[in-house]
């Protein structure tokens, strides 16, 4: 079993040196973020995340593992409903049954 290195950092230092801590997570370290000395968050390499809560996090993990490729452009908007004139389809179906 591979052990991961863990580091603790306060919010202010994390904001000041974010790139440094992101680089460390890429190298396999976990970073515990504290606020006023109490742990509030965990930064960890996305490839090692066990159970991501959101769909975005799960998709990001699969992309980092190379299992999927995320889309590079925005998805299409839902089509607008069409207005159809004439008698309702249900009437045509009932007429056809007779």
C-alpha atoms as a PDB file:
ATOM      1  CA  UNK A   1       0.000   0.000   0.000  1.00  0.00           C
ATOM      2  CA  UNK A   2       1.367   3.384  -1.035  1.00  0.00           C
ATOM      3  CA  UNK A   3       1.450   5.998   1.732  1.00  0.00           C
ATOM      4  CA  UNK A   4       0.692   9.591   0.936  1.00  0.00           C
ATOM      5  CA  UNK A   5       2.417  12.561   2.469  1.00  0.00           C
ATOM      6  CA  UNK A   6       0.080  14.958   4.268  1.00  0.00           C
ATOM      7  CA  UNK A   7       0.647  18.657   4.870  1.00  0.00           C
ATOM      8  CA  UNK A   8      -1.441  21.159   6.868  1.00  0.00           C
ATOM      9  CA  UNK A   9      -1.895  24.739   5.737  1.00  0.00           C
ATOM     10  CA  UNK A  10      -3.986  27.696   6.891  1.00  0.00           C
ATOM     11  CA  UNK A  11      -6.413  29.440   4.546  1.00  0.00           C
ATOM     12  CA  UNK A  12      -4.324  32.619   4.294  1.00  0.00           C
ATOM     13  CA  UNK A  13      -1.129  30.780   3.398  1.00  0.00           C
ATOM     14  CA  UNK A  14      -3.037  28.602   0.919  1.00  0.00           C
ATOM     15  CA  UNK A  15      -4.373  31.712  -0.821  1.00  0.00           C
ATOM     16  CA  UNK A  16      -0.897  33.264  -0.886  1.00  0.00           C
ATOM     17  CA  UNK A  17       0.829  30.120  -2.213  1.00  0.00           C
ATOM     18  CA  UNK A  18      -1.941  28.252  -4.062  1.00  0.00           C
ATOM     19  CA  UNK A  19       0.240  27.223  -7.014  1.00  0.00           C
ATOM     20  CA  UNK A  20       2.809  25.708  -4.650  1.00  0.00           C
ATOM     21  CA  UNK A  21       0.202  23.554  -2.890  1.00  0.00           C
ATOM     22  CA  UNK A  22      -1.471  22.509  -6.139  1.00  0.00           C
ATOM     23  CA  UNK A  23       1.920  21.378  -7.405  1.00  0.00           C
ATOM     24  CA  UNK A  24       2.376  19.311  -4.244  1.00  0.00           C
ATOM     25  CA  UNK A  25      -1.007  17.616  -4.705  1.00  0.00           C
ATOM     26  CA  UNK A  26      -0.046  16.758  -8.291  1.00  0.00           C
ATOM     27  CA  UNK A  27       2.989  14.998  -6.818  1.00  0.00           C
ATOM     28  CA  UNK A  28       0.729  12.841  -4.635  1.00  0.00           C
ATOM     29  CA  UNK A  29       0.513  14.821  -1.394  1.00  0.00           C
ATOM     30  CA  UNK A  30      -2.664  15.549   0.498  1.00  0.00           C
ATOM     31  CA  UNK A  31      -3.091  19.039   1.929  1.00  0.00           C
ATOM     32  CA  UNK A  32      -5.357  19.623   4.920  1.00  0.00           C
ATOM     33  CA  UNK A  33      -6.729  23.174   4.913  1.00  0.00           C
ATOM     34  CA  UNK A  34      -7.381  24.682   8.325  1.00  0.00           C
ATOM     35  CA  UNK A  35      -9.337  27.725   9.398  1.00  0.00           C
ATOM     36  CA  UNK A  36      -8.399  29.076  12.818  1.00  0.00           C
ATOM     37  CA  UNK A  37      -6.615  25.818  13.544  1.00  0.00           C
ATOM     38  CA  UNK A  38      -9.569  23.567  12.697  1.00  0.00           C
ATOM     39  CA  UNK A  39      -9.493  21.338   9.586  1.00  0.00           C
ATOM     40  CA  UNK A  40     -12.076  22.460   7.030  1.00  0.00           C
ATOM     41  CA  UNK A  41     -11.044  20.901   3.714  1.00  0.00           C
ATOM     42  CA  UNK A  42      -8.801  18.327   2.117  1.00  0.00           C
ATOM     43  CA  UNK A  43      -6.941  18.863  -1.145  1.00  0.00           C
ATOM     44  CA  UNK A  44      -5.865  15.608  -2.695  1.00  0.00           C
ATOM     45  CA  UNK A  45      -4.782  14.405  -6.112  1.00  0.00           C
ATOM     46  CA  UNK A  46      -7.900  13.851  -8.188  1.00  0.00           C
ATOM     47  CA  UNK A  47      -6.581  10.476  -9.357  1.00  0.00           C
ATOM     48  CA  UNK A  48      -6.683   9.191  -5.786  1.00  0.00           C
ATOM     49  CA  UNK A  49     -10.034  10.657  -4.741  1.00  0.00           C
ATOM     50  CA  UNK A  50     -12.165   7.776  -3.464  1.00  0.00           C
ATOM     51  CA  UNK A  51     -15.750   9.004  -3.499  1.00  0.00           C
ATOM     52  CA  UNK A  52     -16.278  12.397  -5.038  1.00  0.00           C
ATOM     53  CA  UNK A  53     -19.594  13.933  -4.093  1.00  0.00           C
ATOM     54  CA  UNK A  54     -20.539  15.923  -7.186  1.00  0.00           C
ATOM     55  CA  UNK A  55     -20.918  14.727 -10.750  1.00  0.00           C
ATOM     56  CA  UNK A  56     -18.359  17.341 -11.830  1.00  0.00           C
ATOM     57  CA  UNK A  57     -15.791  15.920  -9.403  1.00  0.00           C
ATOM     58  CA  UNK A  58     -16.471  12.343 -10.525  1.00  0.00           C
ATOM     59  CA  UNK A  59     -16.163  13.303 -14.202  1.00  0.00           C
ATOM     60  CA  UNK A  60     -12.955  15.243 -13.490  1.00  0.00           C
ATOM     61  CA  UNK A  61     -11.498  12.186 -11.754  1.00  0.00           C
ATOM     62  CA  UNK A  62     -12.371   9.927 -14.703  1.00  0.00           C
ATOM     63  CA  UNK A  63     -10.805  12.455 -17.075  1.00  0.00           C
ATOM     64  CA  UNK A  64      -7.645  12.617 -14.944  1.00  0.00           C
ATOM     65  CA  UNK A  65      -7.414   8.811 -15.070  1.00  0.00           C
ATOM     66  CA  UNK A  66      -7.801   8.918 -18.861  1.00  0.00           C
ATOM     67  CA  UNK A  67     -11.049   6.925 -18.800  1.00  0.00           C
ATOM     68  CA  UNK A  68     -13.084   9.670 -20.481  1.00  0.00           C
ATOM     69  CA  UNK A  69     -12.470  12.878 -22.389  1.00  0.00           C
ATOM     70  CA  UNK A  70     -14.374  15.913 -21.210  1.00  0.00           C
ATOM     71  CA  UNK A  71     -16.125  18.054 -23.848  1.00  0.00           C
ATOM     72  CA  UNK A  72     -14.209  21.114 -24.950  1.00  0.00           C
ATOM     73  CA  UNK A  73     -17.178  23.281 -25.868  1.00  0.00           C
ATOM     74  CA  UNK A  74     -20.498  24.122 -24.328  1.00  0.00           C
ATOM     75  CA  UNK A  75     -23.406  21.779 -24.799  1.00  0.00           C
ATOM     76  CA  UNK A  76     -26.314  22.802 -26.968  1.00  0.00           C
ATOM     77  CA  UNK A  77     -29.316  24.515 -25.528  1.00  0.00           C
ATOM     78  CA  UNK A  78     -32.557  22.568 -25.263  1.00  0.00           C
ATOM     79  CA  UNK A  79     -34.686  23.053 -28.367  1.00  0.00           C
ATOM     80  CA  UNK A  80     -37.647  25.362 -28.035  1.00  0.00           C
ATOM     81  CA  UNK A  81     -41.060  23.668 -28.145  1.00  0.00           C
ATOM     82  CA  UNK A  82     -42.792  23.883 -31.493  1.00  0.00           C
ATOM     83  CA  UNK A  83     -46.315  25.144 -31.931  1.00  0.00           C
ATOM     84  CA  UNK A  84     -48.414  22.921 -34.171  1.00  0.00           C
ATOM     85  CA  UNK A  85     -51.678  24.108 -35.658  1.00  0.00           C
ATOM     86  CA  UNK A  86     -54.674  21.942 -36.457  1.00  0.00           C
ATOM     87  CA  UNK A  87     -56.609  19.379 -34.465  1.00  0.00           C
ATOM     88  CA  UNK A  88     -54.903  17.640 -31.550  1.00  0.00           C
ATOM     89  CA  UNK A  89     -53.051  14.398 -32.269  1.00  0.00           C
ATOM     90  CA  UNK A  90     -55.252  12.591 -29.735  1.00  0.00           C
ATOM     91  CA  UNK A  91     -58.322  13.335 -31.933  1.00  0.00           C
ATOM     92  CA  UNK A  92     -56.578  11.889 -34.983  1.00  0.00           C
ATOM     93  CA  UNK A  93     -55.741   8.728 -33.016  1.00  0.00           C
ATOM     94  CA  UNK A  94     -59.335   8.332 -31.823  1.00  0.00           C
ATOM     95  CA  UNK A  95     -60.664   8.886 -35.347  1.00  0.00           C
ATOM     96  CA  UNK A  96     -58.240   6.273 -36.676  1.00  0.00           C
ATOM     97  CA  UNK A  97     -59.443   3.685 -34.139  1.00  0.00           C
ATOM     98  CA  UNK A  98     -63.050   3.937 -35.327  1.00  0.00           C
END
